N, C-alpha and C. Protein backbone atom coordinates (compact mmCIF):
# COMPACT_ATOMS: atom_id res chain seq x y z
N MET A 1 0.55 -1.21 -0.14
CA MET A 1 0.08 -0.42 0.12
C MET A 1 1.44 1.09 0.06
N LYS A 2 0.50 2.14 -0.97
CA LYS A 2 1.26 3.04 -0.64
C LYS A 2 0.45 4.56 -0.35
N LEU A 3 0.78 5.64 0.37
CA LEU A 3 0.21 6.65 1.04
C LEU A 3 1.40 7.83 0.72
N THR A 4 0.74 8.94 -0.36
CA THR A 4 0.78 9.84 -0.39
C THR A 4 0.40 11.34 0.17
N ILE A 5 0.92 12.80 0.20
CA ILE A 5 0.64 13.10 0.73
C ILE A 5 0.40 14.75 -0.19
N PRO A 6 0.28 14.44 -1.09
CA PRO A 6 0.39 15.77 -2.56
C PRO A 6 0.89 17.82 -1.59
N SER A 7 0.10 17.77 -0.46
CA SER A 7 0.64 19.17 -0.24
C SER A 7 1.84 19.30 0.53
N PHE A 8 2.37 18.31 0.57
CA PHE A 8 3.92 18.26 1.31
C PHE A 8 4.70 17.14 0.55
N ASP A 9 6.34 17.62 0.19
CA ASP A 9 7.15 15.82 0.03
C ASP A 9 7.16 14.95 1.73
N ASN A 10 7.44 14.56 0.87
CA ASN A 10 7.49 13.41 2.70
C ASN A 10 9.38 13.69 2.86
N GLY A 11 9.19 14.46 4.25
CA GLY A 11 10.52 14.72 4.78
C GLY A 11 10.49 15.46 4.92
N ALA A 12 9.49 16.65 3.98
CA ALA A 12 9.93 17.76 4.26
C ALA A 12 8.75 18.59 4.99
N PRO A 13 9.43 20.21 5.18
CA PRO A 13 8.06 21.05 6.04
C PRO A 13 7.36 21.04 5.43
N ILE A 14 6.06 21.14 6.47
CA ILE A 14 4.87 21.03 6.21
C ILE A 14 4.42 22.65 6.14
N PRO A 15 3.85 23.22 4.61
CA PRO A 15 3.35 24.26 5.04
C PRO A 15 2.88 24.63 6.14
N ALA A 16 2.15 26.03 6.02
CA ALA A 16 1.46 26.55 7.08
C ALA A 16 0.60 26.30 6.49
N GLU A 17 -0.26 26.25 5.43
CA GLU A 17 -1.84 26.58 5.32
C GLU A 17 -2.58 25.93 6.01
N PHE A 18 -1.14 24.58 6.35
CA PHE A 18 -1.72 23.37 7.26
C PHE A 18 -1.63 23.23 9.06
N ALA A 19 -1.02 24.01 9.38
CA ALA A 19 -0.36 24.36 10.49
C ALA A 19 -1.80 25.21 11.36
N MET A 20 -2.00 25.27 13.01
CA MET A 20 -2.52 25.32 13.67
C MET A 20 -1.61 26.35 13.49
N GLY A 21 -0.34 26.77 14.08
CA GLY A 21 0.00 28.07 15.06
C GLY A 21 1.00 28.48 13.72
N VAL A 22 1.72 29.84 13.61
CA VAL A 22 2.05 30.29 12.49
C VAL A 22 3.03 30.89 13.76
N PRO A 23 3.96 31.46 13.15
CA PRO A 23 4.95 33.08 13.12
C PRO A 23 3.97 33.97 13.50
N ALA A 24 4.96 35.49 14.01
CA ALA A 24 3.42 36.31 13.80
C ALA A 24 4.50 37.61 13.50
N ALA A 25 4.03 38.50 13.24
CA ALA A 25 5.43 39.59 13.34
C ALA A 25 5.16 40.41 14.39
N ASP A 26 4.24 40.18 15.48
CA ASP A 26 4.34 41.55 16.56
C ASP A 26 3.63 40.73 17.71
N ALA A 27 3.94 39.54 17.66
CA ALA A 27 4.17 37.83 18.52
C ALA A 27 4.72 36.66 18.67
N PRO A 28 4.79 36.27 19.13
CA PRO A 28 6.20 34.61 18.67
C PRO A 28 5.39 33.68 17.99
N ALA A 29 3.67 33.90 18.15
CA ALA A 29 2.89 32.58 17.45
C ALA A 29 1.55 33.51 17.75
N THR A 30 1.06 32.68 16.12
CA THR A 30 -1.10 33.00 15.92
C THR A 30 -1.39 32.34 16.31
N PHE A 31 -2.13 31.76 15.46
CA PHE A 31 -3.08 30.74 15.22
C PHE A 31 -2.87 30.78 13.54
N GLY A 32 -2.80 30.34 13.23
CA GLY A 32 -2.80 29.52 11.73
C GLY A 32 -4.25 29.15 10.25
N PRO A 33 -3.55 29.53 9.20
CA PRO A 33 -4.64 28.52 8.46
C PRO A 33 -5.60 27.61 8.75
N ASN A 34 -4.74 26.36 9.27
CA ASN A 34 -5.58 24.69 9.85
C ASN A 34 -6.34 23.92 9.13
N ARG A 35 -5.42 24.30 8.02
CA ARG A 35 -6.36 23.24 7.13
C ARG A 35 -5.93 22.49 6.65
N SER A 36 -6.57 20.36 7.12
CA SER A 36 -6.73 19.25 6.48
C SER A 36 -5.63 19.41 5.08
N PRO A 37 -4.61 18.66 5.45
CA PRO A 37 -3.95 18.07 4.06
C PRO A 37 -4.53 17.40 3.27
N HIS A 38 -4.31 17.63 2.03
CA HIS A 38 -4.79 16.20 0.92
C HIS A 38 -4.17 15.59 0.90
N ILE A 39 -4.92 13.46 0.97
CA ILE A 39 -4.24 12.86 1.13
C ILE A 39 -4.56 11.59 0.06
N THR A 40 -3.46 10.65 -0.24
CA THR A 40 -3.84 10.30 -1.07
C THR A 40 -3.75 8.00 -1.47
N TRP A 41 -4.00 7.64 -1.44
CA TRP A 41 -3.22 5.82 -1.20
C TRP A 41 -3.69 5.25 -2.15
N ALA A 42 -3.69 3.86 -2.60
CA ALA A 42 -3.37 2.93 -3.54
C ALA A 42 -3.17 2.02 -3.29
N ASP A 43 -3.18 1.27 -4.12
CA ASP A 43 -2.47 -0.44 -3.67
C ASP A 43 -3.01 -0.98 -2.82
N ALA A 44 -3.90 -0.75 -1.51
CA ALA A 44 -4.39 -1.49 -0.82
C ALA A 44 -4.83 -3.13 -0.83
N PRO A 45 -4.72 -3.86 0.04
CA PRO A 45 -3.78 -5.53 0.15
C PRO A 45 -5.73 -6.21 -0.04
N PRO A 46 -5.46 -7.21 -0.72
CA PRO A 46 -6.87 -7.61 -0.29
C PRO A 46 -7.46 -8.05 0.58
N GLY A 47 -8.62 -8.33 0.64
CA GLY A 47 -9.23 -8.23 2.38
C GLY A 47 -9.76 -6.55 3.23
N THR A 48 -9.60 -5.76 2.55
CA THR A 48 -9.46 -4.51 2.98
C THR A 48 -10.95 -4.24 3.48
N ARG A 49 -11.58 -4.26 4.64
CA ARG A 49 -12.38 -3.23 4.64
C ARG A 49 -12.84 -2.44 5.80
N SER A 50 -11.57 -1.60 5.79
CA SER A 50 -12.20 -0.06 6.20
C SER A 50 -9.93 0.13 6.01
N PHE A 51 -10.00 1.31 6.46
CA PHE A 51 -9.00 2.05 6.95
C PHE A 51 -8.77 2.87 8.17
N ALA A 52 -8.17 3.58 8.56
CA ALA A 52 -7.58 4.10 9.53
C ALA A 52 -6.57 5.22 9.56
N LEU A 53 -6.91 6.21 9.92
CA LEU A 53 -5.46 7.20 9.42
C LEU A 53 -5.01 8.34 10.89
N ILE A 54 -4.14 8.42 10.92
CA ILE A 54 -3.49 8.80 12.44
C ILE A 54 -2.25 9.65 12.32
N CYS A 55 -2.24 11.03 12.78
CA CYS A 55 -1.58 11.54 12.67
C CYS A 55 -0.39 12.55 13.98
N THR A 56 0.37 11.68 13.99
CA THR A 56 1.20 12.09 15.43
C THR A 56 2.49 12.23 15.05
N ASP A 57 2.91 13.65 16.54
CA ASP A 57 4.55 14.42 16.55
C ASP A 57 4.74 14.01 17.99
N ARG A 58 6.24 13.10 17.04
CA ARG A 58 6.65 12.11 18.63
C ARG A 58 7.53 13.27 18.91
N ASP A 59 7.38 14.80 18.65
CA ASP A 59 8.53 15.40 19.66
C ASP A 59 7.95 16.47 20.35
N ALA A 60 6.30 15.85 21.05
CA ALA A 60 5.82 16.68 21.70
C ALA A 60 6.48 16.45 23.05
N PRO A 61 6.93 17.85 24.05
CA PRO A 61 7.05 18.02 25.31
C PRO A 61 6.51 17.12 25.99
N SER A 62 7.17 15.90 26.26
CA SER A 62 6.96 15.43 27.70
C SER A 62 6.20 15.98 29.02
N VAL A 63 7.17 17.43 30.20
CA VAL A 63 6.75 18.29 30.62
C VAL A 63 6.71 19.54 29.83
N ARG A 64 5.60 20.09 29.99
CA ARG A 64 4.57 21.06 29.88
C ARG A 64 5.49 22.82 30.47
N ASN A 65 5.83 22.07 31.72
CA ASN A 65 6.40 24.14 32.79
C ASN A 65 7.12 24.84 31.39
N ASP A 66 8.21 24.47 30.71
CA ASP A 66 8.80 25.22 29.90
C ASP A 66 8.46 25.68 28.59
N ALA A 67 7.15 24.95 28.54
CA ALA A 67 6.26 25.85 26.89
C ALA A 67 5.66 26.74 27.30
N ASN A 68 6.15 27.43 25.88
CA ASN A 68 5.59 29.39 25.50
C ASN A 68 5.70 29.63 26.87
N GLN A 69 6.51 30.08 26.65
CA GLN A 69 7.63 31.06 28.41
C GLN A 69 8.72 31.70 27.93
N PRO A 70 8.38 33.38 28.01
CA PRO A 70 9.27 34.12 27.36
C PRO A 70 10.50 33.91 28.03
N ASP A 71 10.36 33.50 28.93
CA ASP A 71 12.17 34.04 29.55
C ASP A 71 13.57 32.11 29.73
N ARG A 72 12.08 31.68 28.68
CA ARG A 72 13.64 30.19 28.33
C ARG A 72 12.62 29.59 27.28
N THR A 73 13.79 28.78 26.54
CA THR A 73 13.21 27.67 25.87
C THR A 73 12.53 26.13 26.19
N VAL A 74 12.36 25.06 25.78
CA VAL A 74 12.10 24.08 25.39
C VAL A 74 13.56 22.90 25.36
N PRO A 75 13.83 22.84 26.08
CA PRO A 75 15.33 22.29 25.61
C PRO A 75 15.29 20.56 24.75
N HIS A 76 16.13 20.91 24.06
CA HIS A 76 16.24 20.20 22.96
C HIS A 76 16.37 18.70 23.59
N ASP A 77 16.97 17.97 24.59
CA ASP A 77 17.86 16.55 25.00
C ASP A 77 16.02 16.93 25.77
N LEU A 78 15.77 17.20 26.04
CA LEU A 78 14.00 17.14 26.81
C LEU A 78 13.31 15.84 26.37
N PRO A 79 12.81 14.83 27.61
CA PRO A 79 12.34 13.42 26.90
C PRO A 79 10.59 13.96 26.30
N ARG A 80 10.64 13.43 25.41
CA ARG A 80 9.63 14.36 23.92
C ARG A 80 8.15 12.64 24.14
N ALA A 81 7.06 12.84 24.10
CA ALA A 81 6.04 12.21 24.50
C ALA A 81 4.90 12.57 23.01
N ASP A 82 4.50 11.43 22.16
CA ASP A 82 3.45 11.71 21.55
C ASP A 82 2.07 11.95 21.58
N PHE A 83 1.47 12.94 20.54
CA PHE A 83 0.75 13.96 20.74
C PHE A 83 0.08 13.65 19.47
N TYR A 84 -1.80 13.12 19.10
CA TYR A 84 -2.11 13.18 17.76
C TYR A 84 -2.67 14.61 18.01
N HIS A 85 -2.43 14.22 16.33
CA HIS A 85 -3.28 15.39 15.72
C HIS A 85 -4.12 14.67 14.37
N TRP A 86 -4.45 14.37 14.09
CA TRP A 86 -5.28 13.36 13.44
C TRP A 86 -5.63 12.23 14.08
N VAL A 87 -6.82 11.55 13.94
CA VAL A 87 -7.17 10.08 14.30
C VAL A 87 -8.59 10.44 13.72
N LEU A 88 -8.73 8.99 12.56
CA LEU A 88 -9.65 9.47 11.30
C LEU A 88 -9.72 7.72 11.59
N ILE A 89 -10.83 7.17 12.09
CA ILE A 89 -11.57 5.30 11.86
C ILE A 89 -12.39 5.44 11.79
N ASP A 90 -12.85 3.87 10.34
CA ASP A 90 -13.63 2.90 9.55
C ASP A 90 -13.52 4.30 8.69
N ILE A 91 -12.63 4.32 7.65
CA ILE A 91 -12.29 5.54 6.77
C ILE A 91 -13.39 4.02 5.63
N PRO A 92 -14.55 4.12 4.94
CA PRO A 92 -14.73 2.84 3.92
C PRO A 92 -13.61 2.43 2.61
N ALA A 93 -13.90 1.40 2.53
CA ALA A 93 -12.80 0.37 1.77
C ALA A 93 -12.85 0.59 0.30
N ASP A 94 -13.74 2.07 0.30
CA ASP A 94 -13.72 2.32 -1.47
C ASP A 94 -13.16 3.56 -1.15
N VAL A 95 -12.74 3.94 -0.53
CA VAL A 95 -12.35 5.38 -0.31
C VAL A 95 -10.98 5.32 -0.61
N ARG A 96 -10.12 6.46 -1.39
CA ARG A 96 -8.99 6.67 -1.41
C ARG A 96 -8.02 7.80 -1.62
N GLU A 97 -9.16 8.94 -1.24
CA GLU A 97 -8.33 9.71 -0.98
C GLU A 97 -9.74 10.49 0.29
N LEU A 98 -8.81 11.91 0.68
CA LEU A 98 -8.93 12.69 1.56
C LEU A 98 -8.93 14.37 1.16
N PRO A 99 -9.64 15.09 0.30
CA PRO A 99 -9.18 16.35 0.00
C PRO A 99 -8.66 17.03 0.99
N ALA A 100 -8.22 18.72 0.55
CA ALA A 100 -7.10 19.11 1.20
C ALA A 100 -8.37 20.17 1.79
N GLY A 101 -8.73 20.73 3.33
CA GLY A 101 -9.68 21.16 3.65
C GLY A 101 -10.77 19.85 3.92
N CYS A 102 -10.87 18.84 3.73
CA CYS A 102 -11.92 17.91 3.99
C CYS A 102 -12.49 18.18 5.81
N ASP A 103 -11.00 18.13 6.31
CA ASP A 103 -12.02 17.66 8.02
C ASP A 103 -11.42 19.03 8.57
N CYS A 104 -10.92 19.76 8.23
CA CYS A 104 -10.62 21.46 8.80
C CYS A 104 -10.10 22.13 8.05
N GLU A 105 -10.83 22.83 8.24
CA GLU A 105 -10.90 24.76 7.96
C GLU A 105 -10.64 25.93 9.40
N GLY A 106 -9.43 26.35 9.32
CA GLY A 106 -9.49 26.71 10.15
C GLY A 106 -9.24 26.49 11.71
N VAL A 107 -9.49 27.54 12.57
CA VAL A 107 -9.46 27.37 13.87
C VAL A 107 -10.32 26.79 15.19
N THR A 108 -11.41 26.07 14.87
CA THR A 108 -12.44 26.24 15.90
C THR A 108 -12.16 26.02 17.44
N PRO A 109 -12.51 27.25 18.07
CA PRO A 109 -12.54 27.69 19.78
C PRO A 109 -12.83 26.50 20.32
N ARG A 110 -12.43 25.36 21.25
CA ARG A 110 -13.40 24.23 21.59
C ARG A 110 -14.16 23.37 21.40
N GLY A 111 -13.08 23.17 20.23
CA GLY A 111 -13.25 22.03 19.23
C GLY A 111 -14.03 21.60 18.47
N LYS A 112 -14.25 20.44 17.88
CA LYS A 112 -14.98 19.89 16.55
C LYS A 112 -15.67 19.00 17.35
N GLU A 113 -16.66 18.61 16.83
CA GLU A 113 -17.37 18.00 16.94
C GLU A 113 -16.45 15.90 16.38
N VAL A 114 -17.03 15.12 17.85
CA VAL A 114 -16.46 13.55 17.60
C VAL A 114 -17.69 13.28 16.47
N GLY A 115 -17.18 11.53 16.09
CA GLY A 115 -18.10 11.10 15.10
C GLY A 115 -17.81 11.14 13.45
N PRO A 116 -19.06 10.47 13.35
CA PRO A 116 -19.31 9.99 11.91
C PRO A 116 -19.04 11.11 10.87
N THR A 117 -18.71 10.91 9.92
CA THR A 117 -18.15 12.09 8.99
C THR A 117 -18.15 11.13 7.39
N PRO A 118 -18.74 12.07 6.82
CA PRO A 118 -18.54 11.36 4.77
C PRO A 118 -17.09 10.47 4.31
N TYR A 119 -16.24 11.06 4.78
CA TYR A 119 -14.77 9.80 5.24
C TYR A 119 -14.08 9.22 6.34
N GLY A 120 -15.35 8.90 7.44
CA GLY A 120 -14.83 7.73 8.44
C GLY A 120 -14.92 8.66 9.90
N VAL A 121 -15.20 8.30 10.73
CA VAL A 121 -15.29 8.40 12.49
C VAL A 121 -14.70 9.45 13.25
N ARG A 122 -14.64 10.27 13.63
CA ARG A 122 -13.82 11.45 13.73
C ARG A 122 -13.61 10.85 15.76
N GLY A 123 -12.40 10.93 16.44
CA GLY A 123 -11.72 10.49 17.40
C GLY A 123 -11.65 11.94 17.82
N ILE A 124 -10.52 12.52 18.93
CA ILE A 124 -10.40 12.92 19.67
C ILE A 124 -8.17 12.94 19.39
N ASN A 125 -8.44 14.51 19.36
CA ASN A 125 -6.45 14.63 19.00
C ASN A 125 -6.44 15.21 20.12
N SER A 126 -5.21 15.41 20.72
CA SER A 126 -4.42 15.85 21.61
C SER A 126 -4.59 17.29 22.38
N TYR A 127 -5.27 18.15 21.41
CA TYR A 127 -5.28 19.97 21.75
C TYR A 127 -6.40 19.14 22.44
N THR A 128 -7.45 18.21 23.04
CA THR A 128 -8.73 18.10 23.99
C THR A 128 -7.22 18.32 25.21
N SER A 129 -6.30 17.53 25.36
CA SER A 129 -5.88 17.47 26.98
C SER A 129 -5.08 19.04 26.99
N TRP A 130 -4.49 19.26 26.06
CA TRP A 130 -3.51 20.22 26.34
C TRP A 130 -4.59 21.56 26.26
N PHE A 131 -5.48 21.91 26.03
CA PHE A 131 -6.54 23.23 26.04
C PHE A 131 -7.12 22.79 27.41
N ALA A 132 -7.64 21.95 27.92
CA ALA A 132 -8.22 21.75 29.01
C ALA A 132 -7.59 22.60 30.24
N GLY A 133 -8.73 23.23 30.60
CA GLY A 133 -8.84 24.65 31.53
C GLY A 133 -8.15 25.81 31.16
N GLU A 134 -8.57 26.53 29.74
CA GLU A 134 -8.39 27.06 29.03
C GLU A 134 -10.44 27.72 29.24
N PRO A 135 -10.78 28.31 29.40
CA PRO A 135 -12.14 28.69 29.37
C PRO A 135 -12.59 28.67 28.14
N SER A 136 -11.95 29.61 27.18
CA SER A 136 -11.72 29.73 26.10
C SER A 136 -11.67 28.94 25.17
N MET A 137 -11.08 28.27 25.50
CA MET A 137 -10.32 26.76 24.22
C MET A 137 -11.28 25.29 24.48
N GLU A 138 -11.46 25.83 25.78
CA GLU A 138 -11.38 23.78 26.53
C GLU A 138 -13.02 23.53 25.73
N GLY A 139 -12.39 21.46 25.20
CA GLY A 139 -13.53 20.89 24.50
C GLY A 139 -13.09 19.89 24.48
N ASP A 140 -13.59 19.74 23.27
CA ASP A 140 -13.44 17.74 22.44
C ASP A 140 -12.73 18.47 20.85
N TYR A 141 -11.74 18.23 20.73
CA TYR A 141 -11.11 18.32 19.19
C TYR A 141 -10.92 17.46 18.93
N GLY A 142 -12.25 17.19 17.96
CA GLY A 142 -12.18 15.79 16.83
C GLY A 142 -11.58 16.35 15.99
N GLY A 143 -11.26 15.26 14.91
CA GLY A 143 -10.51 15.11 13.76
C GLY A 143 -9.18 16.13 13.85
N TYR A 144 -9.01 16.61 12.53
CA TYR A 144 -7.95 17.46 12.42
C TYR A 144 -7.13 18.74 13.45
N ASP A 145 -6.47 19.06 13.93
CA ASP A 145 -5.96 19.99 14.04
C ASP A 145 -4.40 20.01 13.95
N GLY A 146 -3.90 20.56 13.15
CA GLY A 146 -2.33 20.89 13.05
C GLY A 146 -1.39 21.31 13.94
N PRO A 147 -0.45 21.44 13.08
CA PRO A 147 0.74 21.89 14.38
C PRO A 147 1.09 22.84 14.80
N PHE A 148 1.21 23.14 16.12
CA PHE A 148 1.04 24.52 16.42
C PHE A 148 2.22 23.85 17.90
N PRO A 149 3.64 23.44 17.61
CA PRO A 149 4.89 23.42 18.90
C PRO A 149 4.49 24.47 19.51
N PRO A 150 5.44 24.12 21.08
CA PRO A 150 5.35 25.39 21.48
C PRO A 150 6.31 26.97 20.41
N TRP A 151 6.06 27.83 21.18
CA TRP A 151 6.74 28.32 20.27
C TRP A 151 8.93 28.68 20.38
N ASN A 152 8.73 28.33 21.66
CA ASN A 152 10.21 28.16 22.24
C ASN A 152 10.83 27.40 22.03
N ASP A 153 10.44 25.72 21.39
CA ASP A 153 11.15 24.58 21.65
C ASP A 153 11.88 24.59 20.42
N GLU A 154 13.58 24.50 21.40
CA GLU A 154 14.44 24.78 20.43
C GLU A 154 14.34 23.07 19.21
N ARG A 155 13.00 21.89 19.56
CA ARG A 155 13.52 20.65 18.47
C ARG A 155 12.62 21.26 17.33
N VAL A 156 13.22 20.78 16.22
CA VAL A 156 12.28 20.82 14.63
C VAL A 156 11.23 19.53 14.99
N HIS A 157 10.17 19.18 16.00
CA HIS A 157 8.73 18.65 15.57
C HIS A 157 8.63 17.92 13.81
N HIS A 158 8.30 16.03 14.36
CA HIS A 158 7.87 15.60 13.48
C HIS A 158 6.72 14.72 13.12
N TYR A 159 6.13 14.76 12.18
CA TYR A 159 4.66 15.26 11.64
C TYR A 159 4.09 13.37 10.88
N HIS A 160 3.71 12.07 12.44
CA HIS A 160 3.65 10.93 11.28
C HIS A 160 2.00 10.88 10.93
N PHE A 161 2.48 10.39 9.36
CA PHE A 161 0.95 10.76 9.21
C PHE A 161 0.68 9.16 8.81
N THR A 162 -0.12 8.02 9.85
CA THR A 162 0.15 6.74 9.43
C THR A 162 -1.61 6.30 8.53
N LEU A 163 -1.18 5.29 7.72
CA LEU A 163 -2.78 5.16 7.11
C LEU A 163 -2.38 3.10 7.22
N TYR A 164 -3.75 3.00 7.60
CA TYR A 164 -3.42 1.50 8.10
C TYR A 164 -4.68 0.99 7.38
N ALA A 165 -4.68 -0.57 6.86
CA ALA A 165 -5.66 -1.06 6.04
C ALA A 165 -5.64 -1.90 6.68
N LEU A 166 -6.99 -2.21 6.64
CA LEU A 166 -7.35 -2.95 8.33
C LEU A 166 -8.78 -4.30 7.82
N ASP A 167 -8.90 -5.56 7.95
CA ASP A 167 -9.56 -6.40 7.68
C ASP A 167 -11.16 -6.54 8.21
N ALA A 168 -10.99 -5.44 9.71
CA ALA A 168 -12.37 -5.33 10.26
C ALA A 168 -13.30 -3.77 8.85
N PRO A 169 -14.52 -3.97 9.14
CA PRO A 169 -15.18 -2.89 8.85
C PRO A 169 -15.06 -1.37 9.38
N THR A 170 -15.25 -1.88 10.95
CA THR A 170 -15.63 -0.69 11.66
C THR A 170 -14.84 -1.26 13.35
N LEU A 171 -13.94 -0.25 14.04
CA LEU A 171 -13.17 -0.84 15.27
C LEU A 171 -14.18 -0.77 15.61
N GLY A 172 -15.28 0.01 16.10
CA GLY A 172 -16.53 0.12 17.06
C GLY A 172 -16.21 0.52 18.28
N LEU A 173 -15.67 2.02 18.34
CA LEU A 173 -15.43 2.52 18.70
C LEU A 173 -16.11 4.25 18.16
N ASN A 174 -16.64 5.03 19.24
CA ASN A 174 -17.48 5.33 19.86
C ASN A 174 -17.24 6.64 20.42
N GLY A 175 -17.80 7.61 20.31
CA GLY A 175 -17.57 9.00 21.50
C GLY A 175 -16.05 9.87 21.56
N ALA A 176 -15.62 9.79 22.48
CA ALA A 176 -14.54 10.56 22.96
C ALA A 176 -13.37 10.20 22.76
N PHE A 177 -12.70 8.70 22.24
CA PHE A 177 -11.94 8.12 21.81
C PHE A 177 -10.13 8.81 21.02
N ASP A 178 -9.68 8.21 21.79
CA ASP A 178 -8.03 8.57 21.23
C ASP A 178 -7.28 8.23 20.64
N GLY A 179 -6.01 8.95 19.64
CA GLY A 179 -5.12 7.24 18.70
C GLY A 179 -5.05 6.53 19.68
N ALA A 180 -4.21 6.53 20.84
CA ALA A 180 -3.95 5.34 21.86
C ALA A 180 -5.27 4.11 21.57
N ASP A 181 -6.57 4.51 21.76
CA ASP A 181 -7.64 4.24 22.03
C ASP A 181 -7.46 2.66 20.43
N ALA A 182 -7.30 4.15 19.41
CA ALA A 182 -7.87 3.60 18.19
C ALA A 182 -6.60 2.19 17.93
N LEU A 183 -5.21 2.36 18.56
CA LEU A 183 -4.62 1.99 18.25
C LEU A 183 -4.90 0.59 18.73
N LEU A 184 -5.14 0.65 19.80
CA LEU A 184 -5.30 -1.11 20.46
C LEU A 184 -6.50 -1.39 19.95
N ALA A 185 -7.04 -0.60 19.18
CA ALA A 185 -8.05 -1.73 18.74
C ALA A 185 -7.87 -2.01 17.56
N MET A 186 -7.45 -1.56 16.84
CA MET A 186 -7.04 -2.19 15.65
C MET A 186 -5.27 -3.70 15.82
N ARG A 187 -4.90 -4.00 16.93
CA ARG A 187 -4.66 -4.53 16.99
C ARG A 187 -4.71 -6.38 16.27
N GLY A 188 -4.47 -6.44 15.65
CA GLY A 188 -4.67 -8.20 15.22
C GLY A 188 -5.53 -7.98 13.62
N HIS A 189 -6.02 -6.79 13.51
CA HIS A 189 -6.79 -6.13 12.12
C HIS A 189 -6.17 -5.30 11.18
N VAL A 190 -4.32 -4.48 10.66
CA VAL A 190 -3.78 -4.49 10.42
C VAL A 190 -3.51 -5.44 8.97
N LEU A 191 -3.59 -5.30 7.88
CA LEU A 191 -3.46 -5.57 6.90
C LEU A 191 -1.79 -5.21 5.60
N ALA A 192 -1.54 -3.96 6.22
CA ALA A 192 -0.71 -3.47 5.36
C ALA A 192 -0.33 -1.95 6.35
N GLN A 193 0.57 -0.79 6.32
CA GLN A 193 0.53 0.90 6.90
C GLN A 193 1.13 1.04 5.87
N ASP A 194 1.28 2.32 6.00
CA ASP A 194 2.51 3.35 4.82
C ASP A 194 2.66 4.76 5.88
N GLU A 195 3.50 5.22 5.73
CA GLU A 195 3.83 6.40 6.20
C GLU A 195 4.38 7.38 5.38
N TRP A 196 3.29 8.56 6.04
CA TRP A 196 4.09 10.07 4.50
C TRP A 196 5.48 11.10 5.66
N VAL A 197 6.06 11.80 6.48
CA VAL A 197 6.17 12.26 7.96
C VAL A 197 6.41 14.30 7.04
N GLY A 198 5.88 14.64 7.65
CA GLY A 198 6.33 16.32 7.63
C GLY A 198 6.41 17.31 9.41
N THR A 199 7.96 18.63 8.52
CA THR A 199 8.43 18.54 10.15
C THR A 199 7.58 19.68 9.50
N TYR A 200 7.48 20.18 10.86
CA TYR A 200 7.57 21.59 10.93
C TYR A 200 8.06 22.53 12.41
N ALA A 201 8.02 23.74 13.09
CA ALA A 201 8.91 24.78 13.61
C ALA A 201 8.32 26.05 13.96
N ILE A 202 7.92 27.03 14.97
CA ILE A 202 8.21 27.73 15.02
C ILE A 202 9.04 28.46 15.69
N TYR A 203 10.51 28.36 16.48
CA TYR A 203 10.90 28.51 17.76
C TYR A 203 12.74 29.50 16.28
N PRO A 204 12.44 30.80 16.35
CA PRO A 204 13.24 30.77 14.93
C PRO A 204 15.13 29.89 14.60
N LYS A 205 15.08 29.92 15.50
CA LYS A 205 16.23 29.10 16.16
C LYS A 205 16.12 27.83 15.07
N ALA A 206 14.90 26.42 15.71
CA ALA A 206 14.65 25.65 14.50
C ALA A 206 14.30 25.69 13.62
N ARG A 207 13.64 26.31 12.79
CA ARG A 207 13.65 26.82 11.55
C ARG A 207 14.47 27.08 10.63
N ALA A 208 16.00 27.86 11.42
CA ALA A 208 16.76 27.46 10.40
C ALA A 208 17.15 26.63 10.14
C-alpha cells in the first residue's frame, strides 16, 4: 500500500496552510489557516474492509512547564511524548482520497465534533487535553488540527501520518476515543500500513 500527501514532500516542512500555529510579526506565534492536507493512497491489499488514519507528533514535550514561556526555551534534549493531531477510523474501503480541507478549515475554539463523517469516524486529538482548563478553548477537538509546537521549542517536530488497511469494517469505537484507543482496537486487524512524515517548527533557531 502506498500513502501520498501531495500537500508537501515526504520528510519536508509542512506548509503554514496546514498548521494551527504560525510565527507572527508582533508576537511569537498566532493561529494559522489550520487546513487538513490532501491525502491519497493506492494498492490496498485484498481483504481490506476499512482504513484508519492517525497523525502523531512524536516530538511533543513530555513536560509542559517550559512551553511557551518568554524567559526560557524547551530544551532540545527534553524527553518527548506522542501528541495526536488526527484520528480518523472506519474510513470506507472504497475511499482512496481525502481532499484538502475536508476535515478542517481554520481554528475552531472549543473543538470540533467527534463521530461519523462522510469519510470516516472522528476521534479526538491531543489538543483536547492541551487546552483543558482554558475557558475560551477547552473542549473535545475532533478530527484534524495541525501543528502548533511550543513557540520556544528548540526541536523541530516530526509529524507521522500513518494509514492502516484493516480487515474489519469498523473498530467499534465511538465518543471521545483517542489515538491510543484506536491503535489498541486495531491490533490483529492490520493488513498493511504506510507512512508520510512532515516537519514543523516555530522557534526561529529551530526553523533555521
